[in-house]
Amino acid sequence: MKKKKSTNKFKAKKGKHLKRRSSDIFKTKRNIPYNVILKVLFIIALCIIIYNMITTKDDLKEINNRLNDVITVIDKTQTEQNTLTDKQIQLEENMKILETSKAEKKAEEERIAKEKAEAEEKAKQEAIKLAQAKTQVTSRGGTTSRSSSTVTYSLNEYQSYARDLCLNTYGWTENDFQCLVKLWNRESGWNPNAHNKSSGAHGIPQSLPASKMASEGADYYTNGKTQIRWGLKYIKGRYGSPSNAWAHSQQKGWY
């Protein structure tokens, strides 16, 4: 009976020891995870913060680079626009200078032409006056002659010849013929020998040079009818009609 009791007591002690040991182990395992968890969480949080800082810095750097690129493009565009504006201003100034030069050139050409026409008109009038002073009107009325030349001409004959060509060949009006009479009265007095020494114009239509009239005949220098044919062709080609030629002569002093 005593041995059986001691055995139970040993078993009781053994069970109590095992119970205390397992409790200590549990307590040890329960205390370690809290510290580890806190450290791990802290490290994770720190990593996240560092990552965010690095990422944010890279993003800011990229944004800054893009802004710099945009600013560069804007500056380049502004420079190009300023260059284009300067070129446009320079072009407008050049156009104004060119227009001014053209206007001045045109005015100078008109002045020279006017002076030339006035000089020619003056020389022609003097030549007409000189020719009229040297001519004598015969008792028959239409025939005149130059005292310095044996060539004679008839105003009536030349004007009748010219009138026939005006009305029948060219289809012009009587008014056109009257304008032709006034035009060639001013130019030469219908004298086939009328010659402008200063310009070289010659004959009834005052061809310049006289050799142009050779297209109507080799006797162009003295034959009034040859000169008339050429003169009417010249008026037709340049002015269309004697009335237009006379109007131009009235305005410019020459035709």
C-alpha atoms as a PDB file:
ATOM      1  CA  MET A   1       0.000   0.000   0.000  1.00  0.00           C
ATOM      2  CA  LYS A   2       2.844   2.480   0.768  1.00  0.00           C
ATOM      3  CA  LYS A   3       4.644   1.891  -2.536  1.00  0.00           C
ATOM      4  CA  LYS A   4       1.557   2.644  -4.493  1.00  0.00           C
ATOM      5  CA  LYS A   5       1.151   5.945  -2.681  1.00  0.00           C
ATOM      6  CA  SER A   6       4.693   7.077  -3.428  1.00  0.00           C
ATOM      7  CA  THR A   7       4.206   6.336  -7.042  1.00  0.00           C
ATOM      8  CA  ASN A   8       1.202   8.594  -7.265  1.00  0.00           C
ATOM      9  CA  LYS A   9       3.079  11.359  -5.492  1.00  0.00           C
ATOM     10  CA  PHE A  10       5.844  11.181  -8.075  1.00  0.00           C
ATOM     11  CA  LYS A  11       3.384  11.371 -10.824  1.00  0.00           C
ATOM     12  CA  ALA A  12       1.765  14.370  -9.217  1.00  0.00           C
ATOM     13  CA  LYS A  13       5.086  16.179  -8.929  1.00  0.00           C
ATOM     14  CA  LYS A  14       6.003  15.311 -12.479  1.00  0.00           C
ATOM     15  CA  GLY A  15       2.783  16.704 -13.841  1.00  0.00           C
ATOM     16  CA  LYS A  16       3.137  19.924 -11.850  1.00  0.00           C
ATOM     17  CA  HIS A  17       6.653  20.472 -13.270  1.00  0.00           C
ATOM     18  CA  LEU A  18       5.509  19.938 -16.795  1.00  0.00           C
ATOM     19  CA  LYS A  19       2.673  22.330 -16.254  1.00  0.00           C
ATOM     20  CA  ARG A  20       5.007  25.093 -14.971  1.00  0.00           C
ATOM     21  CA  ARG A  21       7.474  24.625 -17.855  1.00  0.00           C
ATOM     22  CA  SER A  22       4.868  24.856 -20.547  1.00  0.00           C
ATOM     23  CA  SER A  23       3.525  28.077 -19.016  1.00  0.00           C
ATOM     24  CA  ASP A  24       6.987  29.667 -19.053  1.00  0.00           C
ATOM     25  CA  ILE A  25       7.489  28.750 -22.635  1.00  0.00           C
ATOM     26  CA  PHE A  26       4.120  30.280 -23.550  1.00  0.00           C
ATOM     27  CA  LYS A  27       4.966  33.475 -21.748  1.00  0.00           C
ATOM     28  CA  THR A  28       8.294  33.759 -23.618  1.00  0.00           C
ATOM     29  CA  LYS A  29       6.703  33.205 -26.970  1.00  0.00           C
ATOM     30  CA  ARG A  30       3.997  35.768 -26.224  1.00  0.00           C
ATOM     31  CA  ASN A  31       6.446  38.586 -25.269  1.00  0.00           C
ATOM     32  CA  ILE A  32       8.888  38.384 -28.272  1.00  0.00           C
ATOM     33  CA  PRO A  33       6.439  39.103 -31.200  1.00  0.00           C
ATOM     34  CA  TYR A  34       5.421  42.574 -29.940  1.00  0.00           C
ATOM     35  CA  ASN A  35       8.918  43.999 -30.120  1.00  0.00           C
ATOM     36  CA  VAL A  36       9.591  42.371 -33.432  1.00  0.00           C
ATOM     37  CA  ILE A  37       6.308  43.600 -34.876  1.00  0.00           C
ATOM     38  CA  LEU A  38       7.005  47.160 -33.783  1.00  0.00           C
ATOM     39  CA  LYS A  39      10.466  47.097 -35.299  1.00  0.00           C
ATOM     40  CA  VAL A  40       9.195  45.583 -38.532  1.00  0.00           C
ATOM     41  CA  LEU A  41       6.396  48.125 -38.752  1.00  0.00           C
ATOM     42  CA  PHE A  42       8.811  50.963 -38.099  1.00  0.00           C
ATOM     43  CA  ILE A  43      11.170  49.712 -40.780  1.00  0.00           C
ATOM     44  CA  ILE A  44       8.325  49.272 -43.246  1.00  0.00           C
ATOM     45  CA  ALA A  45       7.022  52.778 -42.503  1.00  0.00           C
ATOM     46  CA  LEU A  46      10.509  54.223 -42.867  1.00  0.00           C
ATOM     47  CA  CYS A  47      10.965  52.443 -46.202  1.00  0.00           C
ATOM     48  CA  ILE A  48       7.649  53.760 -47.418  1.00  0.00           C
ATOM     49  CA  ILE A  49       8.571  57.288 -46.408  1.00  0.00           C
ATOM     50  CA  ILE A  50      11.980  57.036 -48.088  1.00  0.00           C
ATOM     51  CA  TYR A  51      10.426  55.544 -51.210  1.00  0.00           C
ATOM     52  CA  ASN A  52       7.847  58.293 -51.386  1.00  0.00           C
ATOM     53  CA  MET A  53      10.531  60.918 -50.924  1.00  0.00           C
ATOM     54  CA  ILE A  54      12.653  59.424 -53.693  1.00  0.00           C
ATOM     55  CA  THR A  55       9.668  59.043 -56.011  1.00  0.00           C
ATOM     56  CA  THR A  56       8.453  62.563 -55.297  1.00  0.00           C
ATOM     57  CA  LYS A  57      11.924  63.959 -55.928  1.00  0.00           C
ATOM     58  CA  ASP A  58      12.148  62.146 -59.273  1.00  0.00           C
ATOM     59  CA  ASP A  59       8.677  63.363 -60.233  1.00  0.00           C
ATOM     60  CA  LEU A  60       9.559  66.926 -59.309  1.00  0.00           C
ATOM     61  CA  LYS A  61      12.748  66.673 -61.312  1.00  0.00           C
ATOM     62  CA  GLU A  62      10.849  65.360 -64.350  1.00  0.00           C
ATOM     63  CA  ILE A  63       8.211  68.084 -64.011  1.00  0.00           C
ATOM     64  CA  ASN A  64      10.945  70.696 -63.741  1.00  0.00           C
ATOM     65  CA  ASN A  65      12.634  69.349 -66.879  1.00  0.00           C
ATOM     66  CA  ARG A  66       9.350  69.446 -68.770  1.00  0.00           C
ATOM     67  CA  LEU A  67       8.697  73.003 -67.620  1.00  0.00           C
ATOM     68  CA  ASN A  68      12.174  73.980 -68.781  1.00  0.00           C
ATOM     69  CA  ASP A  69      11.469  72.391 -72.179  1.00  0.00           C
ATOM     70  CA  VAL A  70       8.186  74.304 -72.458  1.00  0.00           C
ATOM     71  CA  ILE A  71       9.908  77.564 -71.508  1.00  0.00           C
ATOM     72  CA  THR A  72      12.615  76.887 -74.109  1.00  0.00           C
ATOM     73  CA  VAL A  73       9.983  76.287 -76.817  1.00  0.00           C
ATOM     74  CA  ILE A  74       8.127  79.463 -75.807  1.00  0.00           C
ATOM     75  CA  ASP A  75      11.343  81.510 -75.907  1.00  0.00           C
ATOM     76  CA  LYS A  76      12.236  80.055 -79.313  1.00  0.00           C
ATOM     77  CA  THR A  77       8.752  80.799 -80.662  1.00  0.00           C
ATOM     78  CA  GLN A  78       8.898  84.343 -79.321  1.00  0.00           C
ATOM     79  CA  THR A  79      12.302  84.860 -80.929  1.00  0.00           C
ATOM     80  CA  GLU A  80      11.056  83.563 -84.272  1.00  0.00           C
ATOM     81  CA  GLN A  81       7.970  85.780 -84.029  1.00  0.00           C
ATOM     82  CA  ASN A  82      10.125  88.816 -83.291  1.00  0.00           C
ATOM     83  CA  THR A  83      12.339  87.942 -86.246  1.00  0.00           C
ATOM     84  CA  LEU A  84       9.325  87.631 -88.542  1.00  0.00           C
ATOM     85  CA  THR A  85       7.971  90.945 -87.271  1.00  0.00           C
ATOM     86  CA  ASP A  86      11.294  92.649 -87.960  1.00  0.00           C
ATOM     87  CA  LYS A  87      11.415  91.153 -91.453  1.00  0.00           C
ATOM     88  CA  GLN A  88       7.848  92.267 -92.152  1.00  0.00           C
ATOM     89  CA  ILE A  89       8.644  95.808 -91.001  1.00  0.00           C
ATOM     90  CA  GLN A  90      11.774  95.840 -93.174  1.00  0.00           C
ATOM     91  CA  LEU A  91       9.792  94.530 -96.146  1.00  0.00           C
ATOM     92  CA  GLU A  92       7.151  97.226 -95.720  1.00  0.00           C
ATOM     93  CA  GLU A  93       9.854  99.885 -95.547  1.00  0.00           C
ATOM     94  CA  ASN A  94      11.499  98.501 -98.699  1.00  0.00           C
ATOM     95  CA  MET A  95       8.135  98.512-100.472  1.00  0.00           C
ATOM     96  CA  LYS A  96       7.597 102.151 -99.514  1.00  0.00           C
ATOM     97  CA  ILE A  97      11.069 103.046-100.748  1.00  0.00           C
ATOM     98  CA  LEU A  98      10.423 101.173-104.001  1.00  0.00           C
ATOM     99  CA  GLU A  99       7.069 102.882-104.537  1.00  0.00           C
ATOM    100  CA  THR A 100       8.651 106.256-103.835  1.00  0.00           C
ATOM    101  CA  SER A 101      11.448 105.500-106.292  1.00  0.00           C
ATOM    102  CA  LYS A 102       8.951 104.452-108.947  1.00  0.00           C
ATOM    103  CA  ALA A 103       6.895 107.600-108.423  1.00  0.00           C
ATOM    104  CA  GLU A 104      10.004 109.769-108.607  1.00  0.00           C
ATOM    105  CA  LYS A 105      11.224 107.966-111.714  1.00  0.00           C
ATOM    106  CA  LYS A 106       7.829 108.328-113.386  1.00  0.00           C
ATOM    107  CA  ALA A 107       7.689 112.022-112.520  1.00  0.00           C
ATOM    108  CA  GLU A 108      11.199 112.510-113.878  1.00  0.00           C
ATOM    109  CA  GLU A 109      10.357 110.656-117.091  1.00  0.00           C
ATOM    110  CA  GLU A 110       7.223 112.753-117.535  1.00  0.00           C
ATOM    111  CA  ARG A 111       9.204 115.927-116.908  1.00  0.00           C
ATOM    112  CA  ILE A 112      11.856 114.941-119.460  1.00  0.00           C
ATOM    113  CA  ALA A 113       9.190 113.938-121.994  1.00  0.00           C
ATOM    114  CA  LYS A 114       7.369 117.223-121.435  1.00  0.00           C
ATOM    115  CA  GLU A 115      10.532 119.256-121.826  1.00  0.00           C
ATOM    116  CA  LYS A 116      11.449 117.301-124.937  1.00  0.00           C
ATOM    117  CA  ALA A 117       7.971 117.736-126.392  1.00  0.00           C
ATOM    118  CA  GLU A 118       8.027 121.447-125.615  1.00  0.00           C
ATOM    119  CA  ALA A 119      11.453 121.784-127.215  1.00  0.00           C
ATOM    120  CA  GLU A 120      10.312 119.866-130.274  1.00  0.00           C
ATOM    121  CA  GLU A 121       7.136 121.883-130.500  1.00  0.00           C
ATOM    122  CA  LYS A 122       9.098 125.112-130.223  1.00  0.00           C
ATOM    123  CA  ALA A 123      11.546 123.958-132.883  1.00  0.00           C
ATOM    124  CA  LYS A 124       8.691 122.894-135.170  1.00  0.00           C
ATOM    125  CA  GLN A 125       6.900 126.191-134.754  1.00  0.00           C
ATOM    126  CA  GLU A 126      10.095 128.031-135.528  1.00  0.00           C
ATOM    127  CA  ALA A 127      10.656 125.788-138.546  1.00  0.00           C
ATOM    128  CA  ILE A 128       7.087 126.424-139.732  1.00  0.00           C
ATOM    129  CA  LYS A 129       7.495 130.136-139.293  1.00  0.00           C
ATOM    130  CA  LEU A 130      10.790 130.018-141.175  1.00  0.00           C
ATOM    131  CA  ALA A 131       9.280 127.906-143.944  1.00  0.00           C
ATOM    132  CA  GLN A 132       6.279 130.197-144.213  1.00  0.00           C
ATOM    133  CA  ALA A 133       8.582 133.177-144.413  1.00  0.00           C
ATOM    134  CA  LYS A 134      10.474 131.549-147.288  1.00  0.00           C
ATOM    135  CA  THR A 135       7.418 130.463-149.264  1.00  0.00           C
ATOM    136  CA  GLN A 136       5.362 132.411-151.723  1.00  0.00           C
ATOM    137  CA  VAL A 137       1.701 131.862-152.457  1.00  0.00           C
ATOM    138  CA  THR A 138       0.937 131.903-156.227  1.00  0.00           C
ATOM    139  CA  SER A 139      -2.086 133.517-157.781  1.00  0.00           C
ATOM    140  CA  ARG A 140      -3.678 130.108-158.216  1.00  0.00           C
ATOM    141  CA  GLY A 141      -4.065 129.764-154.461  1.00  0.00           C
ATOM    142  CA  GLY A 142      -3.143 126.223-153.452  1.00  0.00           C
ATOM    143  CA  THR A 143       0.434 125.915-154.670  1.00  0.00           C
ATOM    144  CA  THR A 144       3.372 127.081-152.590  1.00  0.00           C
ATOM    145  CA  SER A 145       7.085 126.650-153.016  1.00  0.00           C
ATOM    146  CA  ARG A 146      10.190 127.026-150.886  1.00  0.00           C
ATOM    147  CA  SER A 147      12.624 129.652-151.990  1.00  0.00           C
ATOM    148  CA  SER A 148      15.523 127.385-151.007  1.00  0.00           C
ATOM    149  CA  SER A 149      14.230 124.366-152.939  1.00  0.00           C
ATOM    150  CA  THR A 150      12.890 123.582-156.376  1.00  0.00           C
ATOM    151  CA  VAL A 151      10.353 121.116-154.913  1.00  0.00           C
ATOM    152  CA  THR A 152       6.771 122.408-154.902  1.00  0.00           C
ATOM    153  CA  TYR A 153       3.739 121.073-153.047  1.00  0.00           C
ATOM    154  CA  SER A 154       0.016 121.690-153.045  1.00  0.00           C
ATOM    155  CA  LEU A 155      -1.874 121.919-149.762  1.00  0.00           C
ATOM    156  CA  ASN A 156      -5.157 121.235-151.496  1.00  0.00           C
ATOM    157  CA  GLU A 157      -3.764 118.198-153.297  1.00  0.00           C
ATOM    158  CA  TYR A 158      -2.192 116.680-150.187  1.00  0.00           C
ATOM    159  CA  GLN A 159      -5.193 117.350-147.993  1.00  0.00           C
ATOM    160  CA  SER A 160      -7.576 115.970-150.614  1.00  0.00           C
ATOM    161  CA  TYR A 161      -5.413 112.857-150.883  1.00  0.00           C
ATOM    162  CA  ALA A 162      -5.358 112.473-147.112  1.00  0.00           C
ATOM    163  CA  ARG A 163      -9.117 113.039-146.844  1.00  0.00           C
ATOM    164  CA  ASP A 164      -9.842 110.298-149.374  1.00  0.00           C
ATOM    165  CA  LEU A 165      -7.683 107.821-147.444  1.00  0.00           C
ATOM    166  CA  CYS A 166      -9.272 108.814-144.114  1.00  0.00           C
ATOM    167  CA  LEU A 167     -12.862 108.378-145.287  1.00  0.00           C
ATOM    168  CA  ASN A 168     -12.615 105.586-147.836  1.00  0.00           C
ATOM    169  CA  THR A 169      -9.601 103.485-146.813  1.00  0.00           C
ATOM    170  CA  TYR A 170      -9.680 103.762-143.027  1.00  0.00           C
ATOM    171  CA  GLY A 171     -13.385 104.461-142.544  1.00  0.00           C
ATOM    172  CA  TRP A 172     -12.817 107.490-140.337  1.00  0.00           C
ATOM    173  CA  THR A 173     -15.175 110.439-140.045  1.00  0.00           C
ATOM    174  CA  GLU A 174     -14.999 113.983-141.353  1.00  0.00           C
ATOM    175  CA  ASN A 175     -14.173 115.078-137.820  1.00  0.00           C
ATOM    176  CA  ASP A 176     -11.188 112.743-137.854  1.00  0.00           C
ATOM    177  CA  PHE A 177      -9.971 114.383-141.053  1.00  0.00           C
ATOM    178  CA  GLN A 178     -10.351 117.877-139.577  1.00  0.00           C
ATOM    179  CA  CYS A 179      -8.338 116.733-136.553  1.00  0.00           C
ATOM    180  CA  LEU A 180      -5.694 115.403-138.965  1.00  0.00           C
ATOM    181  CA  VAL A 181      -5.543 118.797-140.710  1.00  0.00           C
ATOM    182  CA  LYS A 182      -4.994 120.582-137.387  1.00  0.00           C
ATOM    183  CA  LEU A 183      -2.455 117.987-136.256  1.00  0.00           C
ATOM    184  CA  TRP A 184      -0.262 118.219-139.336  1.00  0.00           C
ATOM    185  CA  ASN A 185      -0.688 121.985-139.532  1.00  0.00           C
ATOM    186  CA  ARG A 186       0.968 122.070-136.136  1.00  0.00           C
ATOM    187  CA  GLU A 187       3.596 119.489-137.021  1.00  0.00           C
ATOM    188  CA  SER A 188       4.774 120.665-140.448  1.00  0.00           C
ATOM    189  CA  GLY A 189       2.241 122.956-142.120  1.00  0.00           C
ATOM    190  CA  TRP A 190       1.731 120.016-144.532  1.00  0.00           C
ATOM    191  CA  ASN A 191       5.181 120.726-145.947  1.00  0.00           C
ATOM    192  CA  PRO A 192       6.908 117.519-147.145  1.00  0.00           C
ATOM    193  CA  ASN A 193      10.291 119.249-146.790  1.00  0.00           C
ATOM    194  CA  ALA A 194       9.748 120.360-143.202  1.00  0.00           C
ATOM    195  CA  HIS A 195      12.714 119.186-141.120  1.00  0.00           C
ATOM    196  CA  ASN A 196      13.482 119.533-137.418  1.00  0.00           C
ATOM    197  CA  LYS A 197      17.240 120.017-137.078  1.00  0.00           C
ATOM    198  CA  SER A 198      17.282 119.353-133.348  1.00  0.00           C
ATOM    199  CA  SER A 199      15.411 116.040-133.428  1.00  0.00           C
ATOM    200  CA  GLY A 200      15.734 114.926-137.057  1.00  0.00           C
ATOM    201  CA  ALA A 201      11.947 114.625-137.563  1.00  0.00           C
ATOM    202  CA  HIS A 202      10.998 115.084-141.209  1.00  0.00           C
ATOM    203  CA  GLY A 203       8.100 115.504-143.585  1.00  0.00           C
ATOM    204  CA  ILE A 204       4.388 116.147-143.233  1.00  0.00           C
ATOM    205  CA  PRO A 205       3.883 113.682-140.337  1.00  0.00           C
ATOM    206  CA  GLN A 206       7.305 114.544-138.849  1.00  0.00           C
ATOM    207  CA  SER A 207       8.549 110.978-138.850  1.00  0.00           C
ATOM    208  CA  LEU A 208      11.409 110.318-136.434  1.00  0.00           C
ATOM    209  CA  PRO A 209      13.636 109.173-137.948  1.00  0.00           C
ATOM    210  CA  ALA A 210      12.668 110.004-141.505  1.00  0.00           C
ATOM    211  CA  SER A 211      13.818 106.582-142.747  1.00  0.00           C
ATOM    212  CA  LYS A 212      10.735 104.964-141.169  1.00  0.00           C
ATOM    213  CA  MET A 213       8.703 106.292-144.096  1.00  0.00           C
ATOM    214  CA  ALA A 214      10.774 104.214-146.536  1.00  0.00           C
ATOM    215  CA  SER A 215       8.294 101.390-145.975  1.00  0.00           C
ATOM    216  CA  GLU A 216       5.861 103.358-148.181  1.00  0.00           C
ATOM    217  CA  GLY A 217       8.301 104.266-150.952  1.00  0.00           C
ATOM    218  CA  ALA A 218      11.882 105.159-151.776  1.00  0.00           C
ATOM    219  CA  ASP A 219      10.863 108.776-152.435  1.00  0.00           C
ATOM    220  CA  TYR A 220       9.726 109.224-148.829  1.00  0.00           C
ATOM    221  CA  TYR A 221      12.021 112.185-148.212  1.00  0.00           C
ATOM    222  CA  THR A 222      10.346 114.507-150.722  1.00  0.00           C
ATOM    223  CA  ASN A 223       7.062 112.926-151.794  1.00  0.00           C
ATOM    224  CA  GLY A 224       4.218 114.228-149.644  1.00  0.00           C
ATOM    225  CA  LYS A 225       1.796 111.443-150.635  1.00  0.00           C
ATOM    226  CA  THR A 226       4.275 108.761-149.570  1.00  0.00           C
ATOM    227  CA  GLN A 227       4.633 110.586-146.278  1.00  0.00           C
ATOM    228  CA  ILE A 228       0.844 110.844-145.869  1.00  0.00           C
ATOM    229  CA  ARG A 229       0.350 107.113-146.381  1.00  0.00           C
ATOM    230  CA  TRP A 230       2.963 106.315-143.773  1.00  0.00           C
ATOM    231  CA  GLY A 231       1.613 108.949-141.363  1.00  0.00           C
ATOM    232  CA  LEU A 232      -1.938 107.569-141.508  1.00  0.00           C
ATOM    233  CA  LYS A 233      -0.685 104.024-140.857  1.00  0.00           C
ATOM    234  CA  TYR A 234       1.306 105.313-137.895  1.00  0.00           C
ATOM    235  CA  ILE A 235      -1.754 107.086-136.451  1.00  0.00           C
ATOM    236  CA  LYS A 236      -3.925 104.007-136.986  1.00  0.00           C
ATOM    237  CA  GLY A 237      -1.464 101.699-135.261  1.00  0.00           C
ATOM    238  CA  ARG A 238      -0.655 103.957-132.312  1.00  0.00           C
ATOM    239  CA  TYR A 239      -3.812 105.989-131.619  1.00  0.00           C
ATOM    240  CA  GLY A 240      -6.584 104.362-133.609  1.00  0.00           C
ATOM    241  CA  SER A 241      -7.774 107.580-135.246  1.00  0.00           C
ATOM    242  CA  PRO A 242      -6.625 111.153-135.998  1.00  0.00           C
ATOM    243  CA  SER A 243      -9.006 112.547-133.370  1.00  0.00           C
ATOM    244  CA  ASN A 244      -7.245 110.495-130.689  1.00  0.00           C
ATOM    245  CA  ALA A 245      -3.838 111.544-132.004  1.00  0.00           C
ATOM    246  CA  TRP A 246      -4.914 115.206-131.958  1.00  0.00           C
ATOM    247  CA  ALA A 247      -6.227 114.875-128.394  1.00  0.00           C
ATOM    248  CA  HIS A 248      -2.887 113.393-127.313  1.00  0.00           C
ATOM    249  CA  SER A 249      -1.005 116.186-129.072  1.00  0.00           C
ATOM    250  CA  GLN A 250      -3.193 118.759-127.327  1.00  0.00           C
ATOM    251  CA  GLN A 251      -2.438 117.214-123.963  1.00  0.00           C
ATOM    252  CA  LYS A 252       1.247 116.315-124.352  1.00  0.00           C
ATOM    253  CA  GLY A 253       2.434 118.659-127.109  1.00  0.00           C
ATOM    254  CA  TRP A 254       3.491 115.738-129.325  1.00  0.00           C
ATOM    255  CA  TYR A 255       2.031 112.587-130.857  1.00  0.00           C
END
